[in-house]
Amino acid sequence: MEAYRPAEIGALIETAGVAKAALPAGRMLVLAVLAGCFIGFGAAVWCVAMAGVDPGFGPARILGGAVFALGLILVVVGGAELFTGNALMVMAAVDRRITIAALLRNWGIVWIGNLIGAVALALAFGMSGLVDGPMGAVAARAAEAKAGLAPLEALLRGALCNALVCLAIWLSFAARSVTDRVLAVLWPVTGFVALGLEHSVANMFLLPLGWIAGGEVAFAGAVGNLLWVSLGNVIGGAGGVALAYRLAYPAMAGK
């Protein structure tokens, strides 16, 4: 079976955006907590893959990106509400199939749910004893680096990251099978991790995990990172992907 074409993908994503906006708050929150956990699992495996190697360059970064893709694969195939991916809902808002209030409601509830799930998983890993070693050292080093980013760096890395994340989700809508969806997600996610870009939900897990592991993570730096990266994620996903495709395929409006 042939993959869906770009204009068809846009129509499918708009329909999905309408359904996401209509979710009851409780169900939306539960699905968002799950997504926070899913992305956290991907980030945890990334910490294991990067243990004992130089995280700055080399093929290990490709391996780290490939295993991190576990998180988005769980979200896309298993079904969950992810703040970064929901930037694509802007397409439905532009075509007035959902209101701006409904869009912001979804983003707010999902962001909070993602945070709850990611932090809860970080606490579980901390209490498990698994971070008392190389895995924890990687998390601590990563968290310190993230908390130390300048606002503009965090914003731009967040925008570039979510362009790739939303492209991964866009490609997954072209798929006709689970295997197709997994492969569609794998390479864009591998790319953004290998490039050292910033994903707000992953940081919701890595920042507290790094602090638990003994990293010197300032609270103000962690909050600032989540603020600027989240804003960058919206810019890159909503503007760089959703609106760009909406302008490229105006005929899909209202489908």
Protein backbone atom coordinates (compact mmCIF):
# COMPACT_ATOMS: atom_id res chain seq x y z
CA MET A 1 0.00 0.00 0.00
CA GLU A 2 1.30 3.42 -0.92
CA ALA A 3 2.02 5.98 1.79
CA TYR A 4 -0.36 8.87 2.25
CA ARG A 5 0.66 11.95 0.26
CA PRO A 6 1.57 15.26 1.96
CA ALA A 7 -1.82 16.91 1.38
CA GLU A 8 -3.55 13.80 2.74
CA ILE A 9 -1.21 13.82 5.74
CA GLY A 10 -2.21 17.41 6.47
CA ALA A 11 -5.89 16.52 6.41
CA LEU A 12 -5.28 13.57 8.75
CA ILE A 13 -3.33 15.73 11.17
CA GLU A 14 -6.06 18.37 11.20
CA THR A 15 -8.65 15.72 12.00
CA ALA A 16 -6.42 14.37 14.76
CA GLY A 17 -6.06 17.91 16.13
CA VAL A 18 -9.83 18.27 16.36
CA ALA A 19 -10.04 14.99 18.28
CA LYS A 20 -7.23 16.00 20.63
CA ALA A 21 -8.89 19.32 21.42
CA ALA A 22 -12.16 17.55 22.25
CA LEU A 23 -10.62 15.15 24.79
CA PRO A 24 -12.01 15.44 28.34
CA ALA A 25 -9.48 17.05 30.67
CA GLY A 26 -9.03 13.93 32.81
CA ARG A 27 -8.35 11.65 29.87
CA MET A 28 -6.06 14.23 28.32
CA LEU A 29 -4.04 14.49 31.54
CA VAL A 30 -3.66 10.71 31.88
CA LEU A 31 -2.44 10.41 28.28
CA ALA A 32 -0.05 13.30 28.88
CA VAL A 33 1.39 11.66 32.01
CA LEU A 34 1.97 8.52 29.96
CA ALA A 35 3.78 10.52 27.29
CA GLY A 36 6.04 12.09 29.92
CA CYS A 37 6.94 8.60 31.14
CA PHE A 38 7.47 7.32 27.59
CA ILE A 39 9.88 10.11 26.68
CA GLY A 40 11.58 9.62 30.04
CA PHE A 41 12.20 5.96 29.25
CA GLY A 42 13.81 6.96 25.97
CA ALA A 43 16.01 9.48 27.77
CA ALA A 44 16.96 6.87 30.39
CA VAL A 45 18.12 4.44 27.71
CA TRP A 46 20.06 7.33 26.14
CA CYS A 47 21.90 7.79 29.45
CA VAL A 48 22.88 4.11 29.40
CA ALA A 49 24.03 4.28 25.78
CA MET A 50 26.19 7.35 26.46
CA ALA A 51 27.84 5.98 29.61
CA GLY A 52 31.62 5.74 29.31
CA VAL A 53 31.92 7.59 25.99
CA ASP A 54 32.60 11.17 24.99
CA PRO A 55 29.13 12.68 24.48
CA GLY A 56 30.52 15.58 22.47
CA PHE A 57 31.02 13.87 19.13
CA GLY A 58 31.37 10.57 17.30
CA PRO A 59 29.18 7.63 16.34
CA ALA A 60 28.01 7.14 19.93
CA ARG A 61 25.73 10.14 19.40
CA ILE A 62 23.98 8.29 16.57
CA LEU A 63 23.46 5.28 18.82
CA GLY A 64 22.15 7.55 21.58
CA GLY A 65 19.67 9.14 19.19
CA ALA A 66 18.48 5.78 17.90
CA VAL A 67 17.73 4.42 21.36
CA PHE A 68 16.15 7.70 22.47
CA ALA A 69 13.63 7.23 19.66
CA LEU A 70 12.00 4.61 21.90
CA GLY A 71 10.15 7.43 23.63
CA LEU A 72 8.45 8.89 20.56
CA ILE A 73 7.77 5.41 19.16
CA LEU A 74 5.85 4.61 22.34
CA VAL A 75 3.93 7.87 22.03
CA VAL A 76 3.07 7.47 18.35
CA VAL A 77 2.30 3.75 18.28
CA GLY A 78 1.05 3.28 21.85
CA GLY A 79 -0.98 6.49 21.89
CA ALA A 80 -0.32 9.41 24.24
CA GLU A 81 -0.48 13.20 24.39
CA LEU A 82 2.89 14.90 23.88
CA PHE A 83 3.28 18.68 24.18
CA THR A 84 5.91 18.94 21.44
CA GLY A 85 3.96 16.88 18.93
CA ASN A 86 0.75 18.75 19.66
CA ALA A 87 2.30 21.84 18.12
CA LEU A 88 0.87 20.42 14.89
CA MET A 89 -2.62 21.21 16.21
CA VAL A 90 -2.02 24.76 14.96
CA MET A 91 -3.10 23.52 11.55
CA ALA A 92 -6.60 22.83 12.85
CA ALA A 93 -6.66 26.19 14.64
CA VAL A 94 -5.67 28.10 11.51
CA ASP A 95 -8.55 26.51 9.62
CA ARG A 96 -10.89 27.34 12.53
CA ARG A 97 -11.72 23.72 13.19
CA ILE A 98 -10.71 24.32 16.81
CA THR A 99 -10.58 27.55 18.78
CA ILE A 100 -7.41 29.17 20.09
CA ALA A 101 -8.78 28.60 23.60
CA ALA A 102 -9.12 24.87 22.91
CA LEU A 103 -5.58 24.78 21.52
CA LEU A 104 -4.12 26.53 24.56
CA ARG A 105 -6.17 24.31 26.89
CA ASN A 106 -4.66 21.24 25.29
CA TRP A 107 -1.12 22.61 25.39
CA GLY A 108 -1.46 23.65 29.04
CA ILE A 109 -2.92 20.38 30.31
CA VAL A 110 -0.55 18.27 28.23
CA TRP A 111 2.54 20.25 29.30
CA ILE A 112 1.61 19.78 32.96
CA GLY A 113 0.83 16.08 32.45
CA ASN A 114 4.13 15.54 30.62
CA LEU A 115 5.95 17.22 33.52
CA ILE A 116 4.20 15.01 36.09
CA GLY A 117 5.02 11.83 34.19
CA ALA A 118 8.63 12.75 33.50
CA VAL A 119 9.40 13.88 37.06
CA ALA A 120 7.66 10.85 38.55
CA LEU A 121 9.76 8.54 36.39
CA ALA A 122 12.94 10.41 37.36
CA LEU A 123 12.06 9.94 41.04
CA ALA A 124 11.41 6.23 40.44
CA PHE A 125 14.81 5.81 38.79
CA GLY A 126 16.41 7.73 41.65
CA MET A 127 14.91 5.45 44.26
CA SER A 128 15.80 2.33 42.24
CA GLY A 129 19.53 2.83 42.71
CA LEU A 130 20.11 2.66 38.95
CA VAL A 131 21.56 6.16 38.82
CA ASP A 132 24.27 5.36 41.37
CA GLY A 133 26.87 4.80 38.68
CA PRO A 134 27.69 5.60 35.04
CA MET A 135 24.06 6.21 34.08
CA GLY A 136 23.74 8.82 36.81
CA ALA A 137 27.00 10.46 35.79
CA VAL A 138 25.68 10.94 32.25
CA ALA A 139 22.41 12.36 33.56
CA ALA A 140 24.22 14.74 35.91
CA ARG A 141 26.51 16.01 33.16
CA ALA A 142 23.61 16.47 30.76
CA ALA A 143 21.46 18.28 33.32
CA GLU A 144 24.26 20.67 34.25
CA ALA A 145 24.83 21.53 30.59
CA LYS A 146 21.12 22.09 29.96
CA ALA A 147 20.63 24.28 33.02
CA GLY A 148 23.63 26.37 31.94
CA LEU A 149 22.37 27.20 28.45
CA ALA A 150 21.82 30.86 27.61
CA PRO A 151 18.18 31.75 26.83
CA LEU A 152 18.79 32.32 23.11
CA GLU A 153 20.69 29.04 22.80
CA ALA A 154 17.89 27.15 24.56
CA LEU A 155 15.24 28.84 22.41
CA LEU A 156 16.95 28.08 19.10
CA ARG A 157 17.88 24.52 20.05
CA GLY A 158 14.28 23.98 21.09
CA ALA A 159 12.97 25.33 17.79
CA LEU A 160 15.32 23.20 15.71
CA CYS A 161 14.54 20.14 17.81
CA ASN A 162 10.80 20.33 17.45
CA ALA A 163 11.00 20.93 13.73
CA LEU A 164 12.48 17.43 13.54
CA VAL A 165 10.08 15.96 16.12
CA CYS A 166 7.04 17.31 14.29
CA LEU A 167 8.47 16.10 11.00
CA ALA A 168 8.78 12.66 12.58
CA ILE A 169 5.12 12.76 13.54
CA TRP A 170 4.19 14.17 10.13
CA LEU A 171 5.98 11.24 8.45
CA SER A 172 4.32 8.76 10.81
CA PHE A 173 0.92 9.90 9.48
CA ALA A 174 2.04 8.80 6.02
CA ALA A 175 2.42 5.23 7.27
CA ARG A 176 0.08 2.35 6.55
CA SER A 177 1.61 -0.06 9.09
CA VAL A 178 3.23 -0.08 12.53
CA THR A 179 6.60 -0.90 10.98
CA ASP A 180 6.31 2.12 8.69
CA ARG A 181 5.48 4.36 11.66
CA VAL A 182 8.47 3.14 13.67
CA LEU A 183 10.88 3.73 10.79
CA ALA A 184 9.36 7.15 10.06
CA VAL A 185 9.96 8.25 13.65
CA LEU A 186 13.42 6.72 14.04
CA TRP A 187 15.59 8.89 11.83
CA PRO A 188 14.33 12.42 12.63
CA VAL A 189 14.58 11.64 16.35
CA THR A 190 18.06 10.17 15.91
CA GLY A 191 18.99 13.37 14.11
CA PHE A 192 17.84 15.83 16.74
CA VAL A 193 19.51 13.90 19.57
CA ALA A 194 22.77 13.46 17.65
CA LEU A 195 22.79 17.20 16.89
CA GLY A 196 22.44 18.10 20.57
CA LEU A 197 19.09 19.89 20.27
CA GLU A 198 16.66 20.52 23.13
CA HIS A 199 13.36 18.71 23.76
CA SER A 200 11.31 20.15 26.62
CA VAL A 201 9.72 16.87 27.73
CA ALA A 202 13.03 15.00 27.68
CA ASN A 203 14.45 17.82 29.81
CA MET A 204 11.57 17.43 32.26
CA PHE A 205 13.09 13.99 32.95
CA LEU A 206 16.82 14.66 32.59
CA LEU A 207 16.98 17.80 34.73
CA PRO A 208 15.53 16.20 37.90
CA LEU A 209 17.35 12.92 37.21
CA GLY A 210 20.64 14.78 36.94
CA TRP A 211 19.95 16.59 40.18
CA ILE A 212 19.09 13.29 41.91
CA ALA A 213 22.34 11.84 40.57
CA GLY A 214 24.32 14.60 42.25
CA GLY A 215 24.64 17.14 39.47
CA GLU A 216 24.91 20.84 40.32
CA VAL A 217 21.62 21.84 38.75
CA ALA A 218 20.37 25.25 39.84
CA PHE A 219 16.60 25.47 40.18
CA ALA A 220 16.50 28.78 38.32
CA GLY A 221 18.57 27.32 35.50
CA ALA A 222 16.30 24.29 35.21
CA VAL A 223 13.13 26.40 35.15
CA GLY A 224 14.69 28.79 32.64
CA ASN A 225 15.66 25.90 30.40
CA LEU A 226 12.14 24.45 30.39
CA LEU A 227 10.65 27.89 29.71
CA TRP A 228 12.87 28.79 26.75
CA VAL A 229 13.02 25.29 25.29
CA SER A 230 9.22 24.93 25.49
CA LEU A 231 8.79 28.24 23.70
CA GLY A 232 11.32 27.18 21.09
CA ASN A 233 9.53 23.87 20.64
CA VAL A 234 6.30 25.74 19.88
CA ILE A 235 8.05 28.00 17.37
CA GLY A 236 9.78 25.17 15.56
CA GLY A 237 6.82 22.80 15.51
CA ALA A 238 3.91 25.17 15.02
CA GLY A 239 5.69 27.67 12.78
CA GLY A 240 8.42 25.66 11.13
CA VAL A 241 6.31 22.62 10.27
CA ALA A 242 2.56 23.08 10.84
CA LEU A 243 2.12 26.53 9.32
CA ALA A 244 4.64 25.87 6.57
CA TYR A 245 2.74 22.80 5.38
CA ARG A 246 -0.58 24.59 5.79
CA LEU A 247 0.65 27.32 3.45
CA ALA A 248 2.04 24.75 1.02
CA TYR A 249 -1.23 22.79 0.87
CA PRO A 250 -4.10 25.28 1.31
CA ALA A 251 -6.53 22.98 -0.47
CA MET A 252 -6.67 20.68 2.55
CA ALA A 253 -8.54 23.34 4.57
CA GLY A 254 -11.77 22.05 6.04
CA LYS A 255 -11.16 18.41 5.11
